[in-house]
Amino acid sequence: MAAEDTFDYKKVKEVILAKYEINVEVYRHRFREPDIRPNENPREFLNRLKDLYDKWIQPEKRTKEQVGEIFILEQFYCSLSPELRVWRKGIQSQHGKQLNWWRPSWQPDRGPRATT
């Protein structure tokens, strides 16, 4: 990072988040599996959940429909068999982004088809 960039909060924040691999998936995981910290009262816990939600969903950048789609897909992914979850994560990591893998062109290899 250039010395002059150290005075730009957004650039410093991006570098720190990238260094520690903190991304939307980390915030999703922390939101879905929160831990109540020692000495944390209910209001603090609620505020932390709200903050994690904002960092994961980024509602200021999305429409109501897009937020709904995130939650529906999240529930869908949780309902998949373990084999399909592994396959989906592999496809997603290969392409580096969320894919519309449920469409017909994104079918997992299910082995040889039975012939009659």
C-alpha atoms as a PDB file:
ATOM      1  CA  MET A   1       0.000   0.000   0.000  1.00  0.00           C
ATOM      2  CA  ALA A   2       1.343   3.383  -0.968  1.00  0.00           C
ATOM      3  CA  ALA A   3       2.052   5.823   1.872  1.00  0.00           C
ATOM      4  CA  GLU A   4      -0.513   8.349   0.590  1.00  0.00           C
ATOM      5  CA  ASP A   5      -3.198   5.613   0.568  1.00  0.00           C
ATOM      6  CA  THR A   6      -2.819   5.109   4.317  1.00  0.00           C
ATOM      7  CA  PHE A   7      -4.845   8.285   4.862  1.00  0.00           C
ATOM      8  CA  ASP A   8      -7.803   6.919   2.865  1.00  0.00           C
ATOM      9  CA  TYR A   9     -10.068   4.982   5.258  1.00  0.00           C
ATOM     10  CA  LYS A  10     -11.810   2.992   2.514  1.00  0.00           C
ATOM     11  CA  LYS A  11      -8.518   1.802   1.013  1.00  0.00           C
ATOM     12  CA  VAL A  12      -7.098   0.848   4.414  1.00  0.00           C
ATOM     13  CA  LYS A  13     -10.305  -1.008   5.283  1.00  0.00           C
ATOM     14  CA  GLU A  14     -10.227  -2.940   1.979  1.00  0.00           C
ATOM     15  CA  VAL A  15      -6.617  -3.987   2.554  1.00  0.00           C
ATOM     16  CA  ILE A  16      -7.307  -5.156   6.116  1.00  0.00           C
ATOM     17  CA  LEU A  17     -10.424  -7.110   5.099  1.00  0.00           C
ATOM     18  CA  ALA A  18      -8.553  -8.744   2.222  1.00  0.00           C
ATOM     19  CA  LYS A  19      -5.550  -9.581   4.419  1.00  0.00           C
ATOM     20  CA  TYR A  20      -7.712 -11.394   6.978  1.00  0.00           C
ATOM     21  CA  GLU A  21     -10.035 -12.845   4.305  1.00  0.00           C
ATOM     22  CA  ILE A  22     -13.112 -11.198   5.800  1.00  0.00           C
ATOM     23  CA  ASN A  23     -15.856 -11.177   3.200  1.00  0.00           C
ATOM     24  CA  VAL A  24     -19.610 -11.551   2.805  1.00  0.00           C
ATOM     25  CA  GLU A  25     -19.383 -15.301   3.452  1.00  0.00           C
ATOM     26  CA  VAL A  26     -17.676 -14.689   6.813  1.00  0.00           C
ATOM     27  CA  TYR A  27     -20.447 -12.285   7.843  1.00  0.00           C
ATOM     28  CA  ARG A  28     -23.093 -14.791   6.707  1.00  0.00           C
ATOM     29  CA  HIS A  29     -21.512 -17.513   8.796  1.00  0.00           C
ATOM     30  CA  ARG A  30     -21.199 -15.261  11.851  1.00  0.00           C
ATOM     31  CA  PHE A  31     -24.837 -14.183  11.470  1.00  0.00           C
ATOM     32  CA  ARG A  32     -26.097 -17.763  11.057  1.00  0.00           C
ATOM     33  CA  GLU A  33     -24.001 -19.181  13.901  1.00  0.00           C
ATOM     34  CA  PRO A  34     -23.603 -16.373  16.416  1.00  0.00           C
ATOM     35  CA  ASP A  35     -21.823 -16.771  19.677  1.00  0.00           C
ATOM     36  CA  ILE A  36     -22.933 -14.885  22.755  1.00  0.00           C
ATOM     37  CA  ARG A  37     -19.824 -13.343  24.183  1.00  0.00           C
ATOM     38  CA  PRO A  38     -19.036 -13.358  27.891  1.00  0.00           C
ATOM     39  CA  ASN A  39     -20.548 -10.339  29.632  1.00  0.00           C
ATOM     40  CA  GLU A  40     -22.567  -9.426  26.515  1.00  0.00           C
ATOM     41  CA  ASN A  41     -26.062  -8.310  27.391  1.00  0.00           C
ATOM     42  CA  PRO A  42     -29.085  -9.036  25.132  1.00  0.00           C
ATOM     43  CA  ARG A  43     -29.113  -5.530  23.635  1.00  0.00           C
ATOM     44  CA  GLU A  44     -25.422  -5.752  22.677  1.00  0.00           C
ATOM     45  CA  PHE A  45     -26.009  -9.189  21.165  1.00  0.00           C
ATOM     46  CA  LEU A  46     -28.976  -7.885  19.163  1.00  0.00           C
ATOM     47  CA  ASN A  47     -26.952  -4.913  17.921  1.00  0.00           C
ATOM     48  CA  ARG A  48     -24.115  -7.209  16.869  1.00  0.00           C
ATOM     49  CA  LEU A  49     -26.578  -9.410  14.955  1.00  0.00           C
ATOM     50  CA  LYS A  50     -27.965  -6.319  13.194  1.00  0.00           C
ATOM     51  CA  ASP A  51     -24.438  -5.270  12.273  1.00  0.00           C
ATOM     52  CA  LEU A  52     -23.610  -8.731  10.911  1.00  0.00           C
ATOM     53  CA  TYR A  53     -26.869  -8.714   8.925  1.00  0.00           C
ATOM     54  CA  ASP A  54     -25.995  -5.336   7.379  1.00  0.00           C
ATOM     55  CA  LYS A  55     -22.493  -6.517   6.465  1.00  0.00           C
ATOM     56  CA  TRP A  56     -23.774  -9.784   5.000  1.00  0.00           C
ATOM     57  CA  ILE A  57     -26.908  -8.654   3.154  1.00  0.00           C
ATOM     58  CA  GLN A  58     -25.893  -5.031   2.451  1.00  0.00           C
ATOM     59  CA  PRO A  59     -29.548  -3.920   2.295  1.00  0.00           C
ATOM     60  CA  GLU A  60     -28.666  -0.396   1.175  1.00  0.00           C
ATOM     61  CA  LYS A  61     -27.384  -1.895  -2.100  1.00  0.00           C
ATOM     62  CA  ARG A  62     -30.264  -4.327  -2.723  1.00  0.00           C
ATOM     63  CA  THR A  63     -33.962  -4.338  -3.440  1.00  0.00           C
ATOM     64  CA  LYS A  64     -36.482  -6.152  -1.255  1.00  0.00           C
ATOM     65  CA  GLU A  65     -36.689  -8.876  -3.900  1.00  0.00           C
ATOM     66  CA  GLN A  66     -32.911  -9.373  -3.937  1.00  0.00           C
ATOM     67  CA  VAL A  67     -32.815  -9.683  -0.141  1.00  0.00           C
ATOM     68  CA  GLY A  68     -35.650 -12.204  -0.301  1.00  0.00           C
ATOM     69  CA  GLU A  69     -33.778 -14.173  -2.965  1.00  0.00           C
ATOM     70  CA  ILE A  70     -30.719 -14.371  -0.691  1.00  0.00           C
ATOM     71  CA  PHE A  71     -32.752 -15.862   2.154  1.00  0.00           C
ATOM     72  CA  ILE A  72     -34.632 -18.255  -0.117  1.00  0.00           C
ATOM     73  CA  LEU A  73     -31.392 -19.521  -1.683  1.00  0.00           C
ATOM     74  CA  GLU A  74     -29.814 -19.826   1.762  1.00  0.00           C
ATOM     75  CA  GLN A  75     -32.692 -22.032   2.900  1.00  0.00           C
ATOM     76  CA  PHE A  76     -32.540 -23.998  -0.355  1.00  0.00           C
ATOM     77  CA  TYR A  77     -28.797 -24.641   0.067  1.00  0.00           C
ATOM     78  CA  CYS A  78     -29.334 -25.818   3.647  1.00  0.00           C
ATOM     79  CA  SER A  79     -31.929 -28.305   2.401  1.00  0.00           C
ATOM     80  CA  LEU A  80     -29.627 -29.909  -0.177  1.00  0.00           C
ATOM     81  CA  SER A  81     -28.088 -33.318   0.292  1.00  0.00           C
ATOM     82  CA  PRO A  82     -24.461 -33.237   1.499  1.00  0.00           C
ATOM     83  CA  GLU A  83     -23.241 -34.366  -1.938  1.00  0.00           C
ATOM     84  CA  LEU A  84     -24.967 -31.487  -3.721  1.00  0.00           C
ATOM     85  CA  ARG A  85     -23.688 -28.992  -1.124  1.00  0.00           C
ATOM     86  CA  VAL A  86     -20.113 -30.090  -1.788  1.00  0.00           C
ATOM     87  CA  TRP A  87     -20.672 -29.948  -5.547  1.00  0.00           C
ATOM     88  CA  ARG A  88     -22.248 -26.457  -5.335  1.00  0.00           C
ATOM     89  CA  LYS A  89     -19.365 -25.106  -3.242  1.00  0.00           C
ATOM     90  CA  GLY A  90     -16.871 -26.543  -5.726  1.00  0.00           C
ATOM     91  CA  ILE A  91     -18.618 -24.898  -8.667  1.00  0.00           C
ATOM     92  CA  GLN A  92     -18.897 -21.604  -6.782  1.00  0.00           C
ATOM     93  CA  SER A  93     -15.215 -21.579  -5.765  1.00  0.00           C
ATOM     94  CA  GLN A  94     -14.097 -22.430  -9.324  1.00  0.00           C
ATOM     95  CA  HIS A  95     -15.925 -19.414 -10.703  1.00  0.00           C
ATOM     96  CA  GLY A  96     -15.427 -17.121  -7.724  1.00  0.00           C
ATOM     97  CA  LYS A  97     -19.005 -15.911  -7.520  1.00  0.00           C
ATOM     98  CA  GLN A  98     -22.590 -16.960  -6.939  1.00  0.00           C
ATOM     99  CA  LEU A  99     -23.876 -18.917  -9.914  1.00  0.00           C
ATOM    100  CA  ASN A 100     -27.296 -19.836 -11.193  1.00  0.00           C
ATOM    101  CA  TRP A 101     -26.220 -23.451 -10.993  1.00  0.00           C
ATOM    102  CA  TRP A 102     -29.731 -24.855 -10.572  1.00  0.00           C
ATOM    103  CA  ARG A 103     -30.492 -24.128 -14.215  1.00  0.00           C
ATOM    104  CA  PRO A 104     -30.352 -27.090 -16.621  1.00  0.00           C
ATOM    105  CA  SER A 105     -26.876 -26.203 -17.914  1.00  0.00           C
ATOM    106  CA  TRP A 106     -25.478 -26.586 -14.367  1.00  0.00           C
ATOM    107  CA  GLN A 107     -26.203 -30.230 -13.609  1.00  0.00           C
ATOM    108  CA  PRO A 108     -23.820 -32.208 -11.396  1.00  0.00           C
ATOM    109  CA  ASP A 109     -22.308 -35.349 -12.805  1.00  0.00           C
ATOM    110  CA  ARG A 110     -24.568 -38.075 -11.543  1.00  0.00           C
ATOM    111  CA  GLY A 111     -22.600 -40.900 -13.089  1.00  0.00           C
ATOM    112  CA  PRO A 112     -23.601 -43.068 -16.029  1.00  0.00           C
ATOM    113  CA  ARG A 113     -27.268 -43.053 -16.896  1.00  0.00           C
ATOM    114  CA  ALA A 114     -29.155 -46.271 -16.700  1.00  0.00           C
ATOM    115  CA  THR A 115     -30.129 -47.666 -20.064  1.00  0.00           C
ATOM    116  CA  THR A 116     -33.242 -49.677 -20.701  1.00  0.00           C
END
